[in-house]
Amino acid sequence: MSKSLFSDFEGVSSKAWKQKIQVDLKGADYNNNLIWKTNEGIDVKPFYHADQFKAISNNPNSKAQDWKICQTIVVDKAEEANAQAIEAINRGAEAILFTMPSESIPTEV
């Protein structure tokens, strides 16, 4: 993918997000309805935003940002799987995972 999708949109602050959520809640309490606790007692918010943190860790040993957009394709026929892979790549896939239910895959001639 040559261009980041995020460059097409204006940035929105966490304050603006929360205000929009509160409007959509129509008077319901934000904290009671959207913040929940894990079994470990950790509060989980409905969203997190970069402007809520002093700094975002850039740990070079972390795999947190090492991911690709992947499309899984079940291969029943070689030509169809190839066409699906090309379409997926054209639509932004950066990796293809082929699943082959059989050791022999028929090809169309």
N, C-alpha and C. Protein backbone atom coordinates (compact mmCIF):
# COMPACT_ATOMS: atom_id res chain seq x y z
N MET A 1 0.86 -1.16 0.00
CA MET A 1 0.00 0.00 0.00
C MET A 1 0.90 1.22 0.00
N SER A 2 0.72 2.08 -0.95
CA SER A 2 1.64 3.19 -1.11
C SER A 2 1.31 4.39 -0.25
N LYS A 3 0.07 4.53 0.20
CA LYS A 3 -0.34 5.73 0.91
C LYS A 3 -1.11 5.34 2.18
N SER A 4 -0.81 6.00 3.26
CA SER A 4 -1.51 5.72 4.50
C SER A 4 -2.94 6.23 4.42
N LEU A 5 -3.88 5.40 4.85
CA LEU A 5 -5.28 5.82 4.85
C LEU A 5 -5.53 6.97 5.81
N PHE A 6 -4.73 7.06 6.87
CA PHE A 6 -4.96 8.07 7.89
C PHE A 6 -4.68 9.48 7.40
N SER A 7 -3.90 9.64 6.33
CA SER A 7 -3.62 10.98 5.83
C SER A 7 -4.85 11.60 5.16
N ASP A 8 -5.86 10.80 4.87
CA ASP A 8 -7.08 11.31 4.24
C ASP A 8 -8.02 11.99 5.23
N PHE A 9 -7.76 11.85 6.53
CA PHE A 9 -8.67 12.35 7.55
C PHE A 9 -7.99 13.37 8.45
N GLU A 10 -8.77 14.35 8.89
CA GLU A 10 -8.25 15.31 9.85
C GLU A 10 -8.13 14.64 11.21
N GLY A 11 -7.17 15.08 12.00
CA GLY A 11 -7.02 14.54 13.34
C GLY A 11 -8.15 14.99 14.26
N VAL A 12 -8.52 14.13 15.20
CA VAL A 12 -9.56 14.45 16.17
C VAL A 12 -8.98 14.23 17.55
N SER A 13 -9.14 15.19 18.45
CA SER A 13 -8.59 15.07 19.79
C SER A 13 -9.43 14.12 20.64
N SER A 14 -8.84 13.63 21.72
CA SER A 14 -9.59 12.76 22.63
C SER A 14 -10.76 13.52 23.26
N LYS A 15 -10.57 14.81 23.49
CA LYS A 15 -11.65 15.62 24.06
C LYS A 15 -12.84 15.67 23.11
N ALA A 16 -12.58 15.85 21.81
CA ALA A 16 -13.65 15.89 20.82
C ALA A 16 -14.36 14.54 20.72
N TRP A 17 -13.59 13.44 20.79
CA TRP A 17 -14.19 12.11 20.76
C TRP A 17 -15.13 11.94 21.96
N LYS A 18 -14.65 12.30 23.14
CA LYS A 18 -15.45 12.11 24.35
C LYS A 18 -16.72 12.96 24.29
N GLN A 19 -16.61 14.20 23.79
CA GLN A 19 -17.80 15.05 23.67
C GLN A 19 -18.82 14.43 22.71
N LYS A 20 -18.36 13.88 21.61
CA LYS A 20 -19.26 13.24 20.65
C LYS A 20 -19.93 12.02 21.28
N ILE A 21 -19.16 11.24 22.02
CA ILE A 21 -19.72 10.06 22.70
C ILE A 21 -20.78 10.48 23.70
N GLN A 22 -20.50 11.54 24.46
CA GLN A 22 -21.47 11.99 25.47
C GLN A 22 -22.75 12.49 24.82
N VAL A 23 -22.64 13.13 23.67
CA VAL A 23 -23.84 13.56 22.93
C VAL A 23 -24.63 12.33 22.49
N ASP A 24 -23.92 11.34 21.96
CA ASP A 24 -24.58 10.12 21.49
C ASP A 24 -25.21 9.31 22.63
N LEU A 25 -24.68 9.45 23.83
CA LEU A 25 -25.24 8.74 24.99
C LEU A 25 -26.56 9.35 25.45
N LYS A 26 -26.89 10.54 24.99
CA LYS A 26 -28.16 11.22 25.29
C LYS A 26 -28.45 11.27 26.79
N GLY A 27 -27.47 11.70 27.56
CA GLY A 27 -27.66 11.88 29.00
C GLY A 27 -27.22 10.71 29.85
N ALA A 28 -26.99 9.56 29.27
CA ALA A 28 -26.52 8.40 30.04
C ALA A 28 -25.10 8.68 30.52
N ASP A 29 -24.75 8.12 31.67
CA ASP A 29 -23.44 8.37 32.26
C ASP A 29 -22.33 7.64 31.50
N TYR A 30 -21.36 8.40 31.04
CA TYR A 30 -20.20 7.87 30.29
C TYR A 30 -19.46 6.81 31.10
N ASN A 31 -19.11 7.16 32.35
CA ASN A 31 -18.31 6.25 33.18
C ASN A 31 -19.05 4.96 33.50
N ASN A 32 -20.33 5.05 33.83
CA ASN A 32 -21.10 3.86 34.19
C ASN A 32 -21.40 2.96 33.00
N ASN A 33 -21.56 3.55 31.83
CA ASN A 33 -21.98 2.78 30.67
C ASN A 33 -20.83 2.28 29.79
N LEU A 34 -19.73 2.99 29.77
CA LEU A 34 -18.68 2.63 28.81
C LEU A 34 -17.36 2.18 29.41
N ILE A 35 -17.11 2.50 30.65
CA ILE A 35 -15.86 2.05 31.27
C ILE A 35 -16.16 0.78 32.05
N TRP A 36 -15.37 -0.26 31.80
CA TRP A 36 -15.59 -1.53 32.48
C TRP A 36 -14.29 -2.01 33.10
N LYS A 37 -14.39 -2.94 34.02
CA LYS A 37 -13.22 -3.47 34.72
C LYS A 37 -12.91 -4.88 34.26
N THR A 38 -11.62 -5.16 34.11
CA THR A 38 -11.20 -6.52 33.82
C THR A 38 -11.24 -7.33 35.11
N ASN A 39 -11.03 -8.62 35.02
CA ASN A 39 -10.97 -9.47 36.21
C ASN A 39 -9.84 -9.06 37.14
N GLU A 40 -8.84 -8.38 36.58
CA GLU A 40 -7.71 -7.92 37.38
C GLU A 40 -7.95 -6.55 38.00
N GLY A 41 -9.13 -5.96 37.76
CA GLY A 41 -9.48 -4.67 38.34
C GLY A 41 -8.98 -3.47 37.54
N ILE A 42 -8.62 -3.69 36.30
CA ILE A 42 -8.12 -2.60 35.45
C ILE A 42 -9.30 -1.97 34.72
N ASP A 43 -9.41 -0.63 34.80
CA ASP A 43 -10.46 0.09 34.08
C ASP A 43 -10.11 0.12 32.59
N VAL A 44 -11.07 -0.25 31.75
CA VAL A 44 -10.88 -0.23 30.31
C VAL A 44 -11.82 0.82 29.73
N LYS A 45 -11.23 1.80 29.07
CA LYS A 45 -12.01 2.89 28.46
C LYS A 45 -12.49 2.47 27.08
N PRO A 46 -13.50 3.15 26.54
CA PRO A 46 -14.00 2.78 25.22
C PRO A 46 -13.03 3.14 24.08
N PHE A 47 -12.10 4.04 24.33
CA PHE A 47 -11.09 4.39 23.33
C PHE A 47 -9.87 4.96 24.03
N TYR A 48 -8.75 4.90 23.33
CA TYR A 48 -7.51 5.50 23.81
C TYR A 48 -6.97 6.37 22.68
N HIS A 49 -6.35 7.46 23.05
CA HIS A 49 -5.87 8.43 22.06
C HIS A 49 -4.46 8.85 22.42
N ALA A 50 -3.65 9.09 21.42
CA ALA A 50 -2.24 9.44 21.64
C ALA A 50 -2.09 10.71 22.48
N ASP A 51 -3.04 11.66 22.38
CA ASP A 51 -2.88 12.90 23.13
C ASP A 51 -3.13 12.73 24.64
N GLN A 52 -3.50 11.52 25.06
CA GLN A 52 -3.69 11.25 26.48
C GLN A 52 -2.40 10.80 27.16
N PHE A 53 -1.36 10.63 26.41
CA PHE A 53 -0.09 10.13 26.94
C PHE A 53 1.01 11.16 26.74
N LYS A 54 1.91 11.26 27.71
CA LYS A 54 3.03 12.20 27.59
C LYS A 54 3.94 11.79 26.44
N ALA A 55 4.20 10.51 26.34
CA ALA A 55 5.05 10.00 25.27
C ALA A 55 4.60 8.58 24.94
N ILE A 56 4.70 8.25 23.69
CA ILE A 56 4.40 6.90 23.27
C ILE A 56 5.73 6.16 23.14
N SER A 57 5.81 5.04 23.80
CA SER A 57 7.04 4.27 23.81
C SER A 57 7.39 3.82 22.41
N ASN A 58 8.63 3.97 22.08
CA ASN A 58 9.13 3.50 20.79
C ASN A 58 10.20 2.45 21.08
N ASN A 59 9.78 1.34 21.63
CA ASN A 59 10.69 0.27 22.00
C ASN A 59 11.08 -0.51 20.75
N PRO A 60 12.35 -0.46 20.36
CA PRO A 60 12.76 -1.15 19.14
C PRO A 60 12.67 -2.68 19.25
N ASN A 61 12.62 -3.20 20.48
CA ASN A 61 12.53 -4.65 20.66
C ASN A 61 11.09 -5.15 20.66
N SER A 62 10.12 -4.23 20.60
CA SER A 62 8.71 -4.60 20.65
C SER A 62 8.20 -4.99 19.27
N LYS A 63 7.34 -5.97 19.24
CA LYS A 63 6.69 -6.38 17.98
C LYS A 63 5.32 -5.70 17.83
N ALA A 64 4.99 -4.77 18.73
CA ALA A 64 3.66 -4.16 18.75
C ALA A 64 3.31 -3.44 17.45
N GLN A 65 4.29 -2.88 16.78
CA GLN A 65 4.01 -2.15 15.54
C GLN A 65 4.45 -2.94 14.31
N ASP A 66 4.88 -4.17 14.51
CA ASP A 66 5.36 -5.01 13.42
C ASP A 66 4.24 -5.93 12.95
N TRP A 67 3.31 -5.38 12.17
CA TRP A 67 2.18 -6.15 11.69
C TRP A 67 1.90 -5.78 10.24
N LYS A 68 1.17 -6.63 9.59
CA LYS A 68 0.81 -6.43 8.19
C LYS A 68 -0.69 -6.65 8.03
N ILE A 69 -1.27 -6.03 7.03
CA ILE A 69 -2.66 -6.28 6.66
C ILE A 69 -2.65 -7.56 5.84
N CYS A 70 -3.30 -8.60 6.37
CA CYS A 70 -3.25 -9.92 5.75
C CYS A 70 -4.63 -10.37 5.29
N GLN A 71 -4.67 -11.00 4.15
CA GLN A 71 -5.91 -11.58 3.62
C GLN A 71 -5.73 -13.09 3.55
N THR A 72 -6.69 -13.83 4.12
CA THR A 72 -6.67 -15.29 4.04
C THR A 72 -7.49 -15.72 2.84
N ILE A 73 -6.93 -16.62 2.04
CA ILE A 73 -7.60 -17.13 0.86
C ILE A 73 -7.61 -18.65 0.92
N VAL A 74 -8.80 -19.23 0.84
CA VAL A 74 -8.92 -20.69 0.77
C VAL A 74 -8.75 -21.08 -0.69
N VAL A 75 -7.78 -21.97 -0.94
CA VAL A 75 -7.45 -22.35 -2.31
C VAL A 75 -8.19 -23.62 -2.70
N ASP A 76 -9.19 -23.45 -3.56
CA ASP A 76 -9.88 -24.60 -4.15
C ASP A 76 -9.42 -24.79 -5.59
N LYS A 77 -9.21 -23.67 -6.28
CA LYS A 77 -8.70 -23.69 -7.65
C LYS A 77 -7.59 -22.64 -7.74
N ALA A 78 -6.50 -23.00 -8.38
CA ALA A 78 -5.32 -22.14 -8.42
C ALA A 78 -5.60 -20.78 -9.04
N GLU A 79 -6.26 -20.78 -10.21
CA GLU A 79 -6.50 -19.50 -10.90
C GLU A 79 -7.39 -18.57 -10.08
N GLU A 80 -8.43 -19.15 -9.44
CA GLU A 80 -9.33 -18.33 -8.62
C GLU A 80 -8.59 -17.75 -7.42
N ALA A 81 -7.76 -18.57 -6.80
CA ALA A 81 -6.99 -18.10 -5.64
C ALA A 81 -6.02 -17.00 -6.06
N ASN A 82 -5.41 -17.16 -7.22
CA ASN A 82 -4.48 -16.15 -7.73
C ASN A 82 -5.21 -14.84 -7.99
N ALA A 83 -6.39 -14.91 -8.61
CA ALA A 83 -7.18 -13.69 -8.88
C ALA A 83 -7.59 -13.02 -7.57
N GLN A 84 -7.99 -13.82 -6.57
CA GLN A 84 -8.37 -13.26 -5.27
C GLN A 84 -7.16 -12.59 -4.60
N ALA A 85 -5.99 -13.19 -4.74
CA ALA A 85 -4.78 -12.62 -4.14
C ALA A 85 -4.44 -11.28 -4.80
N ILE A 86 -4.52 -11.23 -6.11
CA ILE A 86 -4.23 -9.98 -6.83
C ILE A 86 -5.21 -8.89 -6.41
N GLU A 87 -6.49 -9.25 -6.32
CA GLU A 87 -7.50 -8.28 -5.89
C GLU A 87 -7.22 -7.79 -4.46
N ALA A 88 -6.88 -8.71 -3.57
CA ALA A 88 -6.58 -8.35 -2.18
C ALA A 88 -5.39 -7.39 -2.10
N ILE A 89 -4.36 -7.67 -2.88
CA ILE A 89 -3.18 -6.79 -2.90
C ILE A 89 -3.56 -5.41 -3.44
N ASN A 90 -4.36 -5.38 -4.49
CA ASN A 90 -4.81 -4.09 -5.05
C ASN A 90 -5.67 -3.31 -4.07
N ARG A 91 -6.34 -4.01 -3.15
CA ARG A 91 -7.19 -3.34 -2.16
C ARG A 91 -6.43 -3.03 -0.87
N GLY A 92 -5.12 -3.34 -0.81
CA GLY A 92 -4.33 -2.92 0.35
C GLY A 92 -3.70 -4.03 1.17
N ALA A 93 -3.95 -5.28 0.83
CA ALA A 93 -3.33 -6.37 1.59
C ALA A 93 -1.81 -6.31 1.43
N GLU A 94 -1.10 -6.54 2.52
CA GLU A 94 0.36 -6.55 2.50
C GLU A 94 0.92 -7.97 2.64
N ALA A 95 0.03 -8.91 2.96
CA ALA A 95 0.42 -10.31 3.09
C ALA A 95 -0.78 -11.17 2.71
N ILE A 96 -0.50 -12.36 2.19
CA ILE A 96 -1.55 -13.30 1.81
C ILE A 96 -1.27 -14.61 2.54
N LEU A 97 -2.31 -15.16 3.16
CA LEU A 97 -2.22 -16.47 3.79
C LEU A 97 -3.11 -17.41 2.99
N PHE A 98 -2.46 -18.34 2.27
CA PHE A 98 -3.21 -19.31 1.49
C PHE A 98 -3.49 -20.53 2.36
N THR A 99 -4.76 -20.92 2.43
CA THR A 99 -5.16 -22.13 3.14
C THR A 99 -5.56 -23.15 2.08
N MET A 100 -4.88 -24.30 2.12
CA MET A 100 -5.12 -25.32 1.10
C MET A 100 -5.69 -26.57 1.77
N PRO A 101 -7.00 -26.81 1.57
CA PRO A 101 -7.65 -27.95 2.22
C PRO A 101 -7.22 -29.30 1.66
N SER A 102 -6.57 -29.30 0.51
CA SER A 102 -6.15 -30.54 -0.13
C SER A 102 -4.72 -30.38 -0.62
N GLU A 103 -3.99 -31.51 -0.71
CA GLU A 103 -2.61 -31.44 -1.21
C GLU A 103 -2.55 -31.18 -2.71
N SER A 104 -3.58 -31.55 -3.44
CA SER A 104 -3.60 -31.27 -4.87
C SER A 104 -4.68 -30.24 -5.16
N ILE A 105 -4.28 -29.21 -5.85
CA ILE A 105 -5.19 -28.12 -6.20
C ILE A 105 -5.38 -28.12 -7.70
N PRO A 106 -6.63 -28.24 -8.16
CA PRO A 106 -6.84 -28.25 -9.61
C PRO A 106 -6.54 -26.89 -10.23
N THR A 107 -5.97 -26.92 -11.41
CA THR A 107 -5.75 -25.68 -12.16
C THR A 107 -6.72 -25.69 -13.33
N GLU A 108 -7.15 -24.51 -13.72
CA GLU A 108 -8.06 -24.37 -14.85
C GLU A 108 -7.23 -24.11 -16.09
N VAL A 109 -7.59 -24.73 -17.15
CA VAL A 109 -6.83 -24.56 -18.41
C VAL A 109 -7.70 -23.89 -19.42
